[in-house]
Amino acid sequence: MVRPRILILGAPGAGKGTQSARIAEAFDVEHVTTGDALRANKEMDISDLGLEYGTPGEYMDRGELVPDAVVNAIVDRALAEADGFVLDGYPRNEEQAEELDDMTDLDVVLYLEVGEEELVHRLTGRRLDPETGDIYHVEYNPPEEPAVESRLIQRDDDDEETVRERLRVYRENTEPVVERYEQQGVLERVDGEGSPEEVWEDVKATIEAAS
């Protein structure tokens, strides 16, 4: 069986992580994210790239932004080793999209469409349990135990001002990627404003039709 090669796009809060996990399970493919790929390849030898450090971990340990050239190399390796995948969190700009064109052929590009006010509502409503690291939402996923609810906090990057800035940066950098795939005729838009189950039904049907 040939497993599909899927790219999923969407703004922060659109539900890419939730839907990617379902895709990975239902279609038996790897869930490839840049964060996981970087952590799994911290000791990868990148000395041939002519950069300041010789491994991705050296950038990460210093809290520095990992250069695009390193991210590209790591994603390339992760996709080459995967028998089918759903790629989440890459490409973030047009330059990375061009690199991805050289790495693999995609079967479908999904774009989860969610309006800005709904994204703000989702992200500002998130709460963190500092003891367990679990994430809840004041409306969509409140904790069942009062003791847990009483210790929940809002992360600094989930306040409204920061959220709107994150969305502005997303629009500036990543929306051209969406337009690129739409012009190529490979983009499939999915309404991401329903329940996770409703969105999943549309995602699943779209992948099945394209594969």
Protein backbone atom coordinates (compact mmCIF):
# COMPACT_ATOMS: atom_id res chain seq x y z
CA MET A 1 0.00 0.00 0.00
CA VAL A 2 1.33 3.43 -0.97
CA ARG A 3 0.89 5.75 1.97
CA PRO A 4 -0.03 9.39 1.28
CA ARG A 5 2.34 12.34 1.55
CA ILE A 6 0.38 15.16 3.14
CA LEU A 7 1.17 18.75 4.02
CA ILE A 8 -1.13 20.48 6.50
CA LEU A 9 -1.21 24.28 6.75
CA GLY A 10 -3.07 26.67 9.01
CA ALA A 11 -2.60 29.52 11.45
CA PRO A 12 -1.70 29.01 15.11
CA GLY A 13 -4.81 27.64 16.80
CA ALA A 14 -6.29 26.21 13.59
CA GLY A 15 -6.03 22.64 14.89
CA LYS A 16 -3.13 21.31 12.82
CA GLY A 17 -1.72 19.23 15.68
CA THR A 18 -5.07 17.63 16.50
CA GLN A 19 -5.85 16.75 12.90
CA SER A 20 -2.28 15.63 12.14
CA ALA A 21 -2.44 13.11 14.98
CA ARG A 22 -5.68 11.70 13.57
CA ILE A 23 -4.23 11.57 10.06
CA ALA A 24 -1.12 9.73 11.27
CA GLU A 25 -3.23 7.09 13.01
CA ALA A 26 -5.89 6.64 10.33
CA PHE A 27 -3.52 6.51 7.35
CA ASP A 28 -0.56 4.86 9.13
CA VAL A 29 1.89 7.64 8.25
CA GLU A 30 4.56 9.54 10.17
CA HIS A 31 3.62 12.83 11.86
CA VAL A 32 6.61 15.01 10.99
CA THR A 33 6.97 18.33 12.82
CA THR A 34 9.99 20.60 12.75
CA GLY A 35 10.19 20.64 16.55
CA ASP A 36 10.21 16.86 16.88
CA ALA A 37 12.61 16.49 13.94
CA LEU A 38 15.03 18.99 15.47
CA ARG A 39 14.95 17.30 18.86
CA ALA A 40 15.48 13.88 17.26
CA ASN A 41 18.46 15.14 15.27
CA LYS A 42 20.21 17.39 17.79
CA GLU A 43 23.53 15.67 17.14
CA MET A 44 23.26 15.59 13.35
CA ASP A 45 26.52 16.63 11.68
CA ILE A 46 25.87 19.88 9.79
CA SER A 47 29.49 20.97 9.49
CA ASP A 48 29.26 20.72 5.69
CA LEU A 49 26.70 23.57 5.66
CA GLY A 50 29.38 26.12 6.55
CA LEU A 51 27.49 27.54 9.54
CA GLU A 52 28.67 28.73 12.94
CA TYR A 53 27.98 25.48 14.79
CA GLY A 54 28.42 21.85 13.83
CA THR A 55 25.15 20.39 15.19
CA PRO A 56 21.54 21.64 15.53
CA GLY A 57 21.78 21.03 19.28
CA GLU A 58 24.39 23.75 19.65
CA TYR A 59 21.90 26.33 18.38
CA MET A 60 19.09 24.91 20.49
CA ASP A 61 21.16 24.72 23.71
CA ARG A 62 22.06 28.39 23.32
CA GLY A 63 18.45 29.36 22.67
CA GLU A 64 19.34 30.62 19.20
CA LEU A 65 17.15 30.39 16.13
CA VAL A 66 18.10 27.35 14.09
CA PRO A 67 19.02 28.53 10.55
CA ASP A 68 16.75 27.62 7.66
CA ALA A 69 19.53 25.58 6.07
CA VAL A 70 19.59 23.30 9.12
CA VAL A 71 15.80 23.00 9.31
CA ASN A 72 15.70 22.17 5.60
CA ALA A 73 18.32 19.42 5.98
CA ILE A 74 16.54 17.88 8.96
CA VAL A 75 13.10 17.92 7.32
CA ASP A 76 14.64 16.40 4.18
CA ARG A 77 16.07 13.54 6.24
CA ALA A 78 12.80 12.98 8.14
CA LEU A 79 10.73 12.82 4.95
CA ALA A 80 13.22 10.53 3.20
CA GLU A 81 12.99 8.06 6.08
CA ALA A 82 9.18 8.15 6.31
CA ASP A 83 6.87 5.73 4.48
CA GLY A 84 4.15 8.32 4.03
CA PHE A 85 3.82 11.38 6.23
CA VAL A 86 1.79 14.34 7.38
CA LEU A 87 4.09 17.37 7.55
CA ASP A 88 3.08 19.96 10.14
CA GLY A 89 4.86 23.28 10.81
CA TYR A 90 6.91 23.45 7.62
CA PRO A 91 7.26 25.28 5.27
CA ARG A 92 6.90 28.60 7.09
CA ASN A 93 7.93 30.82 4.18
CA GLU A 94 8.26 30.74 0.40
CA GLU A 95 11.97 29.87 0.51
CA GLN A 96 11.23 26.75 2.56
CA ALA A 97 8.37 25.89 0.20
CA GLU A 98 10.83 25.94 -2.71
CA GLU A 99 13.13 23.62 -0.74
CA LEU A 100 10.22 21.27 -0.07
CA ASP A 101 9.52 21.07 -3.81
CA ASP A 102 12.98 19.55 -4.23
CA MET A 103 12.57 17.11 -1.32
CA THR A 104 9.35 15.31 -2.21
CA ASP A 105 6.14 15.21 -4.23
CA LEU A 106 3.02 15.89 -2.19
CA ASP A 107 -0.26 14.03 -2.68
CA VAL A 108 -2.38 16.69 -0.99
CA VAL A 109 -1.95 20.07 0.69
CA LEU A 110 -4.60 20.74 3.33
CA TYR A 111 -5.35 24.25 4.56
CA LEU A 112 -7.44 24.56 7.73
CA GLU A 113 -9.39 27.80 7.40
CA VAL A 114 -10.31 29.53 10.65
CA GLY A 115 -11.27 33.20 11.06
CA GLU A 116 -9.01 35.47 13.09
CA GLU A 117 -11.47 36.13 15.92
CA GLU A 118 -12.04 32.40 16.40
CA LEU A 119 -8.26 31.85 16.44
CA VAL A 120 -7.87 34.57 19.08
CA HIS A 121 -10.69 32.99 21.12
CA ARG A 122 -9.07 29.57 20.94
CA LEU A 123 -5.57 30.72 21.82
CA THR A 124 -6.41 33.19 24.58
CA GLY A 125 -8.67 30.58 26.20
CA ARG A 126 -5.86 28.06 26.60
CA ARG A 127 -4.65 27.32 30.12
CA LEU A 128 -1.60 25.42 31.35
CA ASP A 129 -1.39 23.11 34.35
CA PRO A 130 2.10 23.99 35.65
CA GLU A 131 2.35 20.72 37.57
CA THR A 132 1.66 18.34 34.69
CA GLY A 133 2.23 20.44 31.58
CA ASP A 134 -1.26 19.53 30.32
CA ILE A 135 -3.10 22.11 28.22
CA TYR A 136 -6.79 22.88 28.78
CA HIS A 137 -9.25 25.42 27.41
CA VAL A 138 -11.67 27.44 29.51
CA GLU A 139 -14.55 26.63 27.14
CA TYR A 140 -13.65 23.68 24.93
CA ASN A 141 -11.66 21.51 27.32
CA PRO A 142 -11.96 22.53 30.99
CA PRO A 143 -10.50 20.18 33.62
CA GLU A 144 -12.90 17.94 35.48
CA GLU A 145 -11.20 18.36 38.85
CA PRO A 146 -11.62 21.66 40.77
CA ALA A 147 -8.11 21.27 42.19
CA VAL A 148 -6.65 21.25 38.69
CA GLU A 149 -8.78 24.19 37.59
CA SER A 150 -7.61 26.27 40.55
CA ARG A 151 -3.94 26.03 39.56
CA LEU A 152 -4.28 26.67 35.83
CA ILE A 153 -2.38 29.62 34.38
CA GLN A 154 -2.35 31.47 31.08
CA ARG A 155 0.99 31.34 29.31
CA ASP A 156 2.53 34.68 28.42
CA ASP A 157 2.34 33.92 24.71
CA ASP A 158 -1.41 33.28 24.96
CA ASP A 159 -2.43 36.80 26.01
CA GLU A 160 -4.41 38.68 23.36
CA GLU A 161 -1.73 41.16 22.34
CA THR A 162 0.85 38.42 21.81
CA VAL A 163 -1.65 36.19 20.01
CA ARG A 164 -2.58 38.91 17.54
CA GLU A 165 1.10 39.59 16.85
CA ARG A 166 1.70 35.87 16.24
CA LEU A 167 -1.17 35.85 13.76
CA ARG A 168 0.19 38.96 12.03
CA VAL A 169 3.59 37.29 11.62
CA TYR A 170 1.89 34.15 10.34
CA ARG A 171 -0.05 36.09 7.72
CA GLU A 172 3.08 37.91 6.61
CA ASN A 173 5.28 34.82 6.30
CA THR A 174 3.04 31.85 5.64
CA GLU A 175 0.02 33.11 3.73
CA PRO A 176 2.20 33.49 0.60
CA VAL A 177 2.90 29.75 0.96
CA VAL A 178 -0.85 29.08 0.93
CA GLU A 179 -1.23 31.23 -2.19
CA ARG A 180 1.68 29.38 -3.83
CA TYR A 181 0.01 25.98 -3.44
CA GLU A 182 -3.34 27.39 -4.50
CA GLN A 183 -1.80 28.72 -7.72
CA GLN A 184 -0.28 25.28 -8.30
CA GLY A 185 -3.77 23.78 -8.02
CA VAL A 186 -2.88 21.38 -5.19
CA LEU A 187 -4.41 23.22 -2.22
CA GLU A 188 -7.51 21.78 -0.55
CA ARG A 189 -9.33 24.17 1.79
CA VAL A 190 -11.05 22.65 4.82
CA ASP A 191 -13.39 24.57 7.13
CA GLY A 192 -11.60 24.40 10.47
CA GLU A 193 -14.25 26.14 12.57
CA GLY A 194 -16.34 23.09 13.41
CA SER A 195 -15.77 20.60 16.20
CA PRO A 196 -12.61 18.48 15.92
CA GLU A 197 -14.81 15.56 14.87
CA GLU A 198 -16.55 17.58 12.14
CA VAL A 199 -13.26 18.90 10.81
CA TRP A 200 -11.80 15.39 10.85
CA GLU A 201 -14.59 14.04 8.65
CA ASP A 202 -13.81 16.69 6.03
CA VAL A 203 -10.04 16.13 6.35
CA LYS A 204 -10.38 12.37 5.99
CA ALA A 205 -12.67 12.64 2.96
CA THR A 206 -10.36 15.15 1.28
CA ILE A 207 -7.30 12.92 1.72
CA GLU A 208 -9.14 9.84 0.48
CA ALA A 209 -10.34 11.69 -2.61
CA ALA A 210 -6.84 12.95 -3.41
CA SER A 211 -4.85 9.77 -2.68
